């Protein structure tokens, strides 16, 4: 007497997987391709536009946060120039506009003192 752990019907055959658009893997691949080609570049353009508007809005007296997490007040910022000067406590830094990641607000007391 022989026992088998897996019972198989020798007459039954497996159904072949559909090829082309009916295959679930194909549908998922098309969905991922759509996300990569259409949706992600749209999000990147929106973020880039918002960041450019932020850098353009940096004016003298604005309280900013840099990518190095330095919080300071803009002392000097000229339109058309890429560098700005910020003051944080007793230190002054000359940084690129692109280093600013957030404008917190304005420091009215610092603007009035200058």
C-alpha atoms as a PDB file:
ATOM      1  CA  UNK A   1       0.000   0.000   0.000  1.00  0.00           C
ATOM      2  CA  UNK A   2       1.400   3.375  -0.984  1.00  0.00           C
ATOM      3  CA  UNK A   3       0.242   6.652   0.477  1.00  0.00           C
ATOM      4  CA  UNK A   4       0.607  10.011  -1.114  1.00  0.00           C
ATOM      5  CA  UNK A   5       0.662  13.275   0.842  1.00  0.00           C
ATOM      6  CA  UNK A   6      -0.614  15.302  -2.079  1.00  0.00           C
ATOM      7  CA  UNK A   7      -3.589  14.020  -3.944  1.00  0.00           C
ATOM      8  CA  UNK A   8      -3.547  14.847  -7.623  1.00  0.00           C
ATOM      9  CA  UNK A   9      -6.054  14.090 -10.286  1.00  0.00           C
ATOM     10  CA  UNK A  10      -4.042  13.056 -13.320  1.00  0.00           C
ATOM     11  CA  UNK A  11      -6.899  13.998 -15.668  1.00  0.00           C
ATOM     12  CA  UNK A  12      -7.311  17.597 -14.393  1.00  0.00           C
ATOM     13  CA  UNK A  13      -5.310  20.333 -16.048  1.00  0.00           C
ATOM     14  CA  UNK A  14      -4.661  23.864 -14.813  1.00  0.00           C
ATOM     15  CA  UNK A  15      -6.245  26.795 -16.583  1.00  0.00           C
ATOM     16  CA  UNK A  16      -3.612  28.973 -18.280  1.00  0.00           C
ATOM     17  CA  UNK A  17      -3.190  32.541 -17.023  1.00  0.00           C
ATOM     18  CA  UNK A  18      -4.642  35.084 -19.411  1.00  0.00           C
ATOM     19  CA  UNK A  19      -2.104  37.142 -21.294  1.00  0.00           C
ATOM     20  CA  UNK A  20      -2.327  40.821 -22.134  1.00  0.00           C
ATOM     21  CA  UNK A  21      -4.850  43.282 -20.682  1.00  0.00           C
ATOM     22  CA  UNK A  22      -6.824  40.652 -18.739  1.00  0.00           C
ATOM     23  CA  UNK A  23      -3.829  39.728 -16.575  1.00  0.00           C
ATOM     24  CA  UNK A  24      -3.980  41.371 -13.094  1.00  0.00           C
ATOM     25  CA  UNK A  25      -0.204  41.896 -13.079  1.00  0.00           C
ATOM     26  CA  UNK A  26      -0.475  43.795 -16.367  1.00  0.00           C
ATOM     27  CA  UNK A  27      -3.209  46.039 -14.931  1.00  0.00           C
ATOM     28  CA  UNK A  28      -1.103  46.813 -11.827  1.00  0.00           C
ATOM     29  CA  UNK A  29       1.930  47.584 -13.996  1.00  0.00           C
ATOM     30  CA  UNK A  30      -0.115  50.048 -16.084  1.00  0.00           C
ATOM     31  CA  UNK A  31      -1.349  51.717 -12.863  1.00  0.00           C
ATOM     32  CA  UNK A  32       2.175  52.114 -11.501  1.00  0.00           C
ATOM     33  CA  UNK A  33       3.393  53.434 -14.845  1.00  0.00           C
ATOM     34  CA  UNK A  34       0.582  56.026 -14.820  1.00  0.00           C
ATOM     35  CA  UNK A  35       1.589  57.181 -11.320  1.00  0.00           C
ATOM     36  CA  UNK A  36       5.251  57.509 -12.262  1.00  0.00           C
ATOM     37  CA  UNK A  37       4.717  59.237 -15.603  1.00  0.00           C
ATOM     38  CA  UNK A  38       1.709  61.503 -14.897  1.00  0.00           C
ATOM     39  CA  UNK A  39       0.999  62.073 -11.205  1.00  0.00           C
ATOM     40  CA  UNK A  40       4.486  62.383  -9.674  1.00  0.00           C
ATOM     41  CA  UNK A  41       5.787  65.049 -12.105  1.00  0.00           C
ATOM     42  CA  UNK A  42       2.641  67.124 -11.439  1.00  0.00           C
ATOM     43  CA  UNK A  43       3.306  67.018  -7.695  1.00  0.00           C
ATOM     44  CA  UNK A  44       6.976  67.937  -8.223  1.00  0.00           C
ATOM     45  CA  UNK A  45       6.048  70.939 -10.384  1.00  0.00           C
ATOM     46  CA  UNK A  46       3.592  72.182  -7.763  1.00  0.00           C
ATOM     47  CA  UNK A  47       6.144  71.870  -4.941  1.00  0.00           C
ATOM     48  CA  UNK A  48       8.814  73.562  -7.045  1.00  0.00           C
ATOM     49  CA  UNK A  49       6.484  76.479  -7.863  1.00  0.00           C
ATOM     50  CA  UNK A  50       5.563  76.926  -4.178  1.00  0.00           C
ATOM     51  CA  UNK A  51       9.249  76.883  -3.182  1.00  0.00           C
ATOM     52  CA  UNK A  52      10.132  79.473  -5.841  1.00  0.00           C
ATOM     53  CA  UNK A  53       7.317  81.723  -4.577  1.00  0.00           C
ATOM     54  CA  UNK A  54       8.640  81.291  -1.024  1.00  0.00           C
ATOM     55  CA  UNK A  55      12.182  82.268  -2.029  1.00  0.00           C
ATOM     56  CA  UNK A  56      10.896  85.275  -3.974  1.00  0.00           C
ATOM     57  CA  UNK A  57       8.863  86.457  -0.971  1.00  0.00           C
ATOM     58  CA  UNK A  58      11.862  86.642   1.380  1.00  0.00           C
ATOM     59  CA  UNK A  59      12.175  90.323   2.306  1.00  0.00           C
ATOM     60  CA  UNK A  60      14.037  92.322   4.911  1.00  0.00           C
ATOM     61  CA  UNK A  61      12.551  91.766   8.370  1.00  0.00           C
ATOM     62  CA  UNK A  62      11.127  88.327   7.618  1.00  0.00           C
ATOM     63  CA  UNK A  63      11.708  85.618  10.197  1.00  0.00           C
ATOM     64  CA  UNK A  64      12.977  82.514   8.369  1.00  0.00           C
ATOM     65  CA  UNK A  65      14.066  78.940   9.031  1.00  0.00           C
ATOM     66  CA  UNK A  66      16.957  77.534   6.988  1.00  0.00           C
ATOM     67  CA  UNK A  67      17.578  73.938   5.952  1.00  0.00           C
ATOM     68  CA  UNK A  68      20.175  73.773   8.757  1.00  0.00           C
ATOM     69  CA  UNK A  69      17.319  74.635  11.190  1.00  0.00           C
ATOM     70  CA  UNK A  70      18.742  78.072  11.969  1.00  0.00           C
ATOM     71  CA  UNK A  71      16.019  80.553  12.843  1.00  0.00           C
ATOM     72  CA  UNK A  72      16.870  84.146  12.066  1.00  0.00           C
ATOM     73  CA  UNK A  73      15.675  87.490  10.790  1.00  0.00           C
ATOM     74  CA  UNK A  74      16.560  88.664   7.291  1.00  0.00           C
ATOM     75  CA  UNK A  75      18.815  91.723   7.545  1.00  0.00           C
ATOM     76  CA  UNK A  76      19.643  92.163   3.873  1.00  0.00           C
ATOM     77  CA  UNK A  77      17.850  90.786   0.840  1.00  0.00           C
ATOM     78  CA  UNK A  78      18.091  92.372  -2.603  1.00  0.00           C
ATOM     79  CA  UNK A  79      15.820  91.390  -5.468  1.00  0.00           C
ATOM     80  CA  UNK A  80      17.637  89.482  -8.160  1.00  0.00           C
ATOM     81  CA  UNK A  81      20.467  88.337  -5.884  1.00  0.00           C
ATOM     82  CA  UNK A  82      20.815  84.769  -4.715  1.00  0.00           C
ATOM     83  CA  UNK A  83      22.385  85.610  -1.330  1.00  0.00           C
ATOM     84  CA  UNK A  84      20.703  87.025   1.749  1.00  0.00           C
ATOM     85  CA  UNK A  85      22.049  87.955   5.194  1.00  0.00           C
ATOM     86  CA  UNK A  86      20.247  86.738   8.291  1.00  0.00           C
ATOM     87  CA  UNK A  87      20.830  87.543  11.935  1.00  0.00           C
ATOM     88  CA  UNK A  88      20.366  84.956  14.646  1.00  0.00           C
ATOM     89  CA  UNK A  89      21.075  86.152  18.186  1.00  0.00           C
ATOM     90  CA  UNK A  90      24.566  87.717  17.967  1.00  0.00           C
ATOM     91  CA  UNK A  91      25.600  86.054  14.705  1.00  0.00           C
ATOM     92  CA  UNK A  92      25.117  87.059  11.096  1.00  0.00           C
ATOM     93  CA  UNK A  93      25.053  84.541   8.272  1.00  0.00           C
ATOM     94  CA  UNK A  94      25.261  85.003   4.528  1.00  0.00           C
ATOM     95  CA  UNK A  95      23.223  82.221   2.955  1.00  0.00           C
ATOM     96  CA  UNK A  96      21.633  81.338  -0.364  1.00  0.00           C
ATOM     97  CA  UNK A  97      17.919  81.993  -0.811  1.00  0.00           C
ATOM     98  CA  UNK A  98      17.500  78.322  -1.616  1.00  0.00           C
ATOM     99  CA  UNK A  99      18.544  77.447   1.966  1.00  0.00           C
ATOM    100  CA  UNK A 100      15.335  79.031   3.297  1.00  0.00           C
ATOM    101  CA  UNK A 101      12.692  76.358   3.822  1.00  0.00           C
ATOM    102  CA  UNK A 102      10.082  78.320   5.756  1.00  0.00           C
ATOM    103  CA  UNK A 103       9.078  81.927   6.373  1.00  0.00           C
ATOM    104  CA  UNK A 104       7.718  82.067   9.918  1.00  0.00           C
ATOM    105  CA  UNK A 105       6.554  85.679   9.868  1.00  0.00           C
ATOM    106  CA  UNK A 106       7.975  89.145  10.331  1.00  0.00           C
ATOM    107  CA  UNK A 107       9.918  90.570  13.225  1.00  0.00           C
ATOM    108  CA  UNK A 108       8.550  94.112  13.608  1.00  0.00           C
ATOM    109  CA  UNK A 109      10.971  95.071  16.402  1.00  0.00           C
ATOM    110  CA  UNK A 110      14.006  94.097  14.296  1.00  0.00           C
ATOM    111  CA  UNK A 111      12.731  96.079  11.306  1.00  0.00           C
ATOM    112  CA  UNK A 112      12.049  99.186  13.415  1.00  0.00           C
ATOM    113  CA  UNK A 113      15.537  99.061  15.038  1.00  0.00           C
ATOM    114  CA  UNK A 114      17.331  99.206  11.670  1.00  0.00           C
END
